């Protein structure tokens, strides 16, 4: 996982799930990654604290790499490299 926002890779797609709660962010992510290719990077923005648990599990289960995770004032940001 990348430690600093300064060294983040460019993203290929962005998904804003702000205002949505479990299970909607994960369902939208699942649909979004279907349209992407392995190696591409998806940025996900969320407001649901459950994503701190759900997104790492989603990545682990489906073979994606969670390369960045950050929380700032109730807003969560994730970068996921598709496997």
N, C-alpha and C. Protein backbone atom coordinates (compact mmCIF):
# COMPACT_ATOMS: atom_id res chain seq x y z
N UNK A 1 0.85 -1.17 0.00
CA UNK A 1 0.00 0.00 0.00
C UNK A 1 0.89 1.24 0.00
N UNK A 2 0.49 2.25 -0.75
CA UNK A 2 1.22 3.51 -0.83
C UNK A 2 1.02 4.27 0.47
N UNK A 3 2.09 4.81 1.01
CA UNK A 3 2.01 5.53 2.29
C UNK A 3 1.69 7.00 2.15
N UNK A 4 2.02 7.60 1.03
CA UNK A 4 1.90 9.04 0.88
C UNK A 4 1.04 9.39 -0.33
N UNK A 5 0.22 10.43 -0.17
CA UNK A 5 -0.62 10.88 -1.28
C UNK A 5 0.23 11.46 -2.41
N UNK A 6 1.47 11.84 -2.10
CA UNK A 6 2.36 12.41 -3.11
C UNK A 6 2.80 11.39 -4.15
N UNK A 7 2.78 10.11 -3.80
CA UNK A 7 3.27 9.07 -4.70
C UNK A 7 2.15 8.21 -5.29
N UNK A 8 0.94 8.75 -5.34
CA UNK A 8 -0.18 7.99 -5.86
C UNK A 8 -0.14 7.89 -7.38
N UNK A 9 -0.54 6.74 -7.90
CA UNK A 9 -0.60 6.59 -9.35
C UNK A 9 -1.81 7.33 -9.91
N UNK A 10 -1.79 7.64 -11.21
CA UNK A 10 -2.98 8.25 -11.82
C UNK A 10 -4.13 7.25 -11.82
N UNK A 11 -5.34 7.76 -11.76
CA UNK A 11 -6.51 6.88 -11.76
C UNK A 11 -7.12 6.80 -13.15
N UNK A 12 -7.74 5.67 -13.43
CA UNK A 12 -8.41 5.46 -14.71
C UNK A 12 -9.91 5.72 -14.62
N UNK A 13 -10.46 5.63 -13.41
CA UNK A 13 -11.89 5.85 -13.21
C UNK A 13 -12.12 6.30 -11.78
N UNK A 14 -13.23 7.00 -11.56
CA UNK A 14 -13.57 7.49 -10.23
C UNK A 14 -15.02 7.12 -9.93
N UNK A 15 -15.26 6.68 -8.71
CA UNK A 15 -16.61 6.34 -8.27
C UNK A 15 -16.88 7.07 -6.96
N UNK A 16 -17.87 7.94 -6.95
CA UNK A 16 -18.23 8.70 -5.75
C UNK A 16 -19.48 8.08 -5.15
N UNK A 17 -19.32 7.47 -3.98
CA UNK A 17 -20.44 6.82 -3.30
C UNK A 17 -20.87 7.61 -2.07
N UNK A 18 -20.48 8.88 -2.01
CA UNK A 18 -20.82 9.73 -0.88
C UNK A 18 -22.33 9.74 -0.66
N UNK A 19 -22.74 9.55 0.60
CA UNK A 19 -24.15 9.54 0.95
C UNK A 19 -24.81 8.18 0.88
N UNK A 20 -24.09 7.18 0.36
CA UNK A 20 -24.63 5.83 0.27
C UNK A 20 -24.09 4.97 1.40
N UNK A 21 -24.88 4.00 1.81
CA UNK A 21 -24.50 3.12 2.91
C UNK A 21 -24.55 1.67 2.48
N UNK A 22 -23.83 0.85 3.22
CA UNK A 22 -23.71 -0.58 2.97
C UNK A 22 -25.09 -1.17 2.68
N UNK A 23 -25.21 -1.92 1.62
CA UNK A 23 -24.20 -2.49 0.74
C UNK A 23 -23.99 -1.72 -0.56
N UNK A 24 -24.62 -0.55 -0.71
CA UNK A 24 -24.59 0.16 -2.00
C UNK A 24 -23.19 0.49 -2.52
N UNK A 25 -22.27 1.01 -1.69
CA UNK A 25 -20.93 1.30 -2.24
C UNK A 25 -20.25 0.08 -2.87
N UNK A 26 -20.36 -1.06 -2.22
CA UNK A 26 -19.73 -2.27 -2.74
C UNK A 26 -20.44 -2.76 -4.00
N UNK A 27 -21.75 -2.66 -4.03
CA UNK A 27 -22.49 -3.07 -5.23
C UNK A 27 -22.10 -2.19 -6.42
N UNK A 28 -21.98 -0.89 -6.21
CA UNK A 28 -21.58 0.02 -7.30
C UNK A 28 -20.14 -0.25 -7.73
N UNK A 29 -19.27 -0.54 -6.77
CA UNK A 29 -17.89 -0.88 -7.11
C UNK A 29 -17.84 -2.13 -7.97
N UNK A 30 -18.59 -3.12 -7.58
CA UNK A 30 -18.61 -4.38 -8.32
C UNK A 30 -19.04 -4.14 -9.77
N UNK A 31 -20.05 -3.32 -9.96
CA UNK A 31 -20.51 -3.00 -11.31
C UNK A 31 -19.46 -2.20 -12.08
N UNK A 32 -18.79 -1.29 -11.41
CA UNK A 32 -17.80 -0.43 -12.07
C UNK A 32 -16.58 -1.22 -12.53
N UNK A 33 -16.08 -2.13 -11.71
CA UNK A 33 -14.87 -2.87 -12.08
C UNK A 33 -15.13 -3.83 -13.25
N UNK A 34 -16.36 -4.18 -13.49
CA UNK A 34 -16.69 -5.03 -14.64
C UNK A 34 -16.34 -4.35 -15.96
N UNK A 35 -16.39 -3.02 -15.96
CA UNK A 35 -16.11 -2.25 -17.18
C UNK A 35 -14.64 -1.87 -17.31
N UNK A 36 -13.81 -2.32 -16.37
CA UNK A 36 -12.40 -1.95 -16.36
C UNK A 36 -11.52 -3.16 -16.67
N UNK A 37 -10.24 -2.88 -16.98
CA UNK A 37 -9.29 -3.94 -17.31
C UNK A 37 -8.30 -4.14 -16.16
N UNK A 38 -7.73 -5.33 -16.05
CA UNK A 38 -6.69 -5.58 -15.04
C UNK A 38 -5.56 -4.55 -15.16
N UNK A 39 -5.10 -4.07 -14.02
CA UNK A 39 -4.02 -3.09 -13.99
C UNK A 39 -4.51 -1.66 -13.90
N UNK A 40 -5.77 -1.42 -14.27
CA UNK A 40 -6.31 -0.07 -14.16
C UNK A 40 -6.57 0.26 -12.69
N UNK A 41 -6.60 1.57 -12.40
CA UNK A 41 -6.77 2.03 -11.03
C UNK A 41 -8.11 2.74 -10.89
N UNK A 42 -8.89 2.30 -9.91
CA UNK A 42 -10.18 2.89 -9.59
C UNK A 42 -10.06 3.69 -8.30
N UNK A 43 -10.52 4.93 -8.34
CA UNK A 43 -10.59 5.75 -7.13
C UNK A 43 -12.02 5.69 -6.62
N UNK A 44 -12.17 5.41 -5.33
CA UNK A 44 -13.49 5.36 -4.71
C UNK A 44 -13.51 6.38 -3.58
N UNK A 45 -14.56 7.21 -3.56
CA UNK A 45 -14.77 8.16 -2.49
C UNK A 45 -16.06 7.75 -1.79
N UNK A 46 -16.03 7.72 -0.46
CA UNK A 46 -17.19 7.26 0.30
C UNK A 46 -17.35 8.06 1.59
N UNK A 47 -18.54 7.99 2.15
CA UNK A 47 -18.81 8.60 3.45
C UNK A 47 -19.21 7.57 4.49
N UNK A 48 -19.43 6.34 4.08
CA UNK A 48 -19.84 5.26 4.99
C UNK A 48 -18.62 4.66 5.68
N UNK A 49 -18.55 4.75 7.01
CA UNK A 49 -17.40 4.17 7.73
C UNK A 49 -17.26 2.66 7.53
N UNK A 50 -18.33 1.99 7.17
CA UNK A 50 -18.26 0.54 6.94
C UNK A 50 -17.35 0.20 5.76
N UNK A 51 -17.08 1.17 4.88
CA UNK A 51 -16.19 0.90 3.75
C UNK A 51 -14.77 0.59 4.21
N UNK A 52 -14.39 1.05 5.40
CA UNK A 52 -13.04 0.74 5.90
C UNK A 52 -12.87 -0.75 6.13
N UNK A 53 -13.96 -1.43 6.33
CA UNK A 53 -13.95 -2.89 6.48
C UNK A 53 -14.28 -3.57 5.16
N UNK A 54 -15.28 -3.06 4.47
CA UNK A 54 -15.80 -3.72 3.28
C UNK A 54 -14.88 -3.65 2.07
N UNK A 55 -14.25 -2.51 1.83
CA UNK A 55 -13.42 -2.37 0.63
C UNK A 55 -12.17 -3.25 0.71
N UNK A 56 -11.43 -3.28 1.84
CA UNK A 56 -10.31 -4.23 1.89
C UNK A 56 -10.74 -5.69 1.68
N UNK A 57 -11.88 -6.08 2.22
CA UNK A 57 -12.37 -7.45 2.02
C UNK A 57 -12.75 -7.68 0.56
N UNK A 58 -13.39 -6.70 -0.06
CA UNK A 58 -13.74 -6.77 -1.48
C UNK A 58 -12.49 -7.01 -2.32
N UNK A 59 -11.44 -6.23 -2.03
CA UNK A 59 -10.19 -6.36 -2.79
C UNK A 59 -9.56 -7.73 -2.58
N UNK A 60 -9.49 -8.16 -1.35
CA UNK A 60 -8.88 -9.44 -1.03
C UNK A 60 -9.63 -10.59 -1.69
N UNK A 61 -10.94 -10.55 -1.62
CA UNK A 61 -11.77 -11.62 -2.14
C UNK A 61 -11.68 -11.72 -3.67
N UNK A 62 -11.59 -10.56 -4.34
CA UNK A 62 -11.61 -10.55 -5.80
C UNK A 62 -10.23 -10.41 -6.44
N UNK A 63 -9.18 -10.37 -5.62
CA UNK A 63 -7.83 -10.33 -6.15
C UNK A 63 -7.37 -8.97 -6.63
N UNK A 64 -7.96 -7.90 -6.10
CA UNK A 64 -7.53 -6.55 -6.44
C UNK A 64 -6.55 -6.06 -5.36
N UNK A 65 -5.78 -5.04 -5.71
CA UNK A 65 -4.80 -4.49 -4.76
C UNK A 65 -5.30 -3.15 -4.24
N UNK A 66 -5.48 -3.05 -2.93
CA UNK A 66 -5.82 -1.78 -2.30
C UNK A 66 -4.51 -1.02 -2.13
N UNK A 67 -4.29 0.00 -2.96
CA UNK A 67 -3.00 0.67 -2.94
C UNK A 67 -3.00 1.95 -2.10
N UNK A 68 -4.18 2.43 -1.72
CA UNK A 68 -4.24 3.63 -0.88
C UNK A 68 -5.57 3.67 -0.17
N UNK A 69 -5.53 4.04 1.11
CA UNK A 69 -6.73 4.18 1.92
C UNK A 69 -6.49 5.36 2.86
N UNK A 70 -7.42 6.32 2.87
CA UNK A 70 -7.25 7.50 3.70
C UNK A 70 -8.60 8.01 4.15
N UNK A 71 -8.66 8.48 5.39
CA UNK A 71 -9.88 9.07 5.94
C UNK A 71 -9.56 10.50 6.37
N UNK A 72 -10.43 11.42 5.98
CA UNK A 72 -10.26 12.82 6.37
C UNK A 72 -11.64 13.42 6.64
N UNK A 73 -11.91 13.67 7.92
CA UNK A 73 -13.14 14.33 8.33
C UNK A 73 -14.40 13.63 7.82
N UNK A 74 -14.44 12.32 7.98
CA UNK A 74 -15.62 11.55 7.60
C UNK A 74 -15.73 11.26 6.11
N UNK A 75 -14.69 11.53 5.37
CA UNK A 75 -14.66 11.24 3.93
C UNK A 75 -13.53 10.24 3.69
N UNK A 76 -13.86 9.15 3.04
CA UNK A 76 -12.92 8.05 2.83
C UNK A 76 -12.53 7.99 1.36
N UNK A 77 -11.24 7.79 1.13
CA UNK A 77 -10.73 7.70 -0.24
C UNK A 77 -9.90 6.44 -0.39
N UNK A 78 -10.14 5.72 -1.47
CA UNK A 78 -9.45 4.46 -1.75
C UNK A 78 -8.96 4.46 -3.20
N UNK A 79 -7.79 3.88 -3.41
CA UNK A 79 -7.32 3.61 -4.75
C UNK A 79 -7.11 2.11 -4.86
N UNK A 80 -7.69 1.53 -5.89
CA UNK A 80 -7.69 0.08 -6.07
C UNK A 80 -7.14 -0.25 -7.44
N UNK A 81 -6.09 -1.06 -7.48
CA UNK A 81 -5.55 -1.55 -8.76
C UNK A 81 -6.21 -2.90 -9.05
N UNK A 82 -6.87 -2.99 -10.18
CA UNK A 82 -7.57 -4.22 -10.51
C UNK A 82 -6.63 -5.34 -10.84
N UNK A 83 -6.96 -6.51 -10.31
CA UNK A 83 -6.17 -7.71 -10.53
C UNK A 83 -6.68 -8.51 -11.68
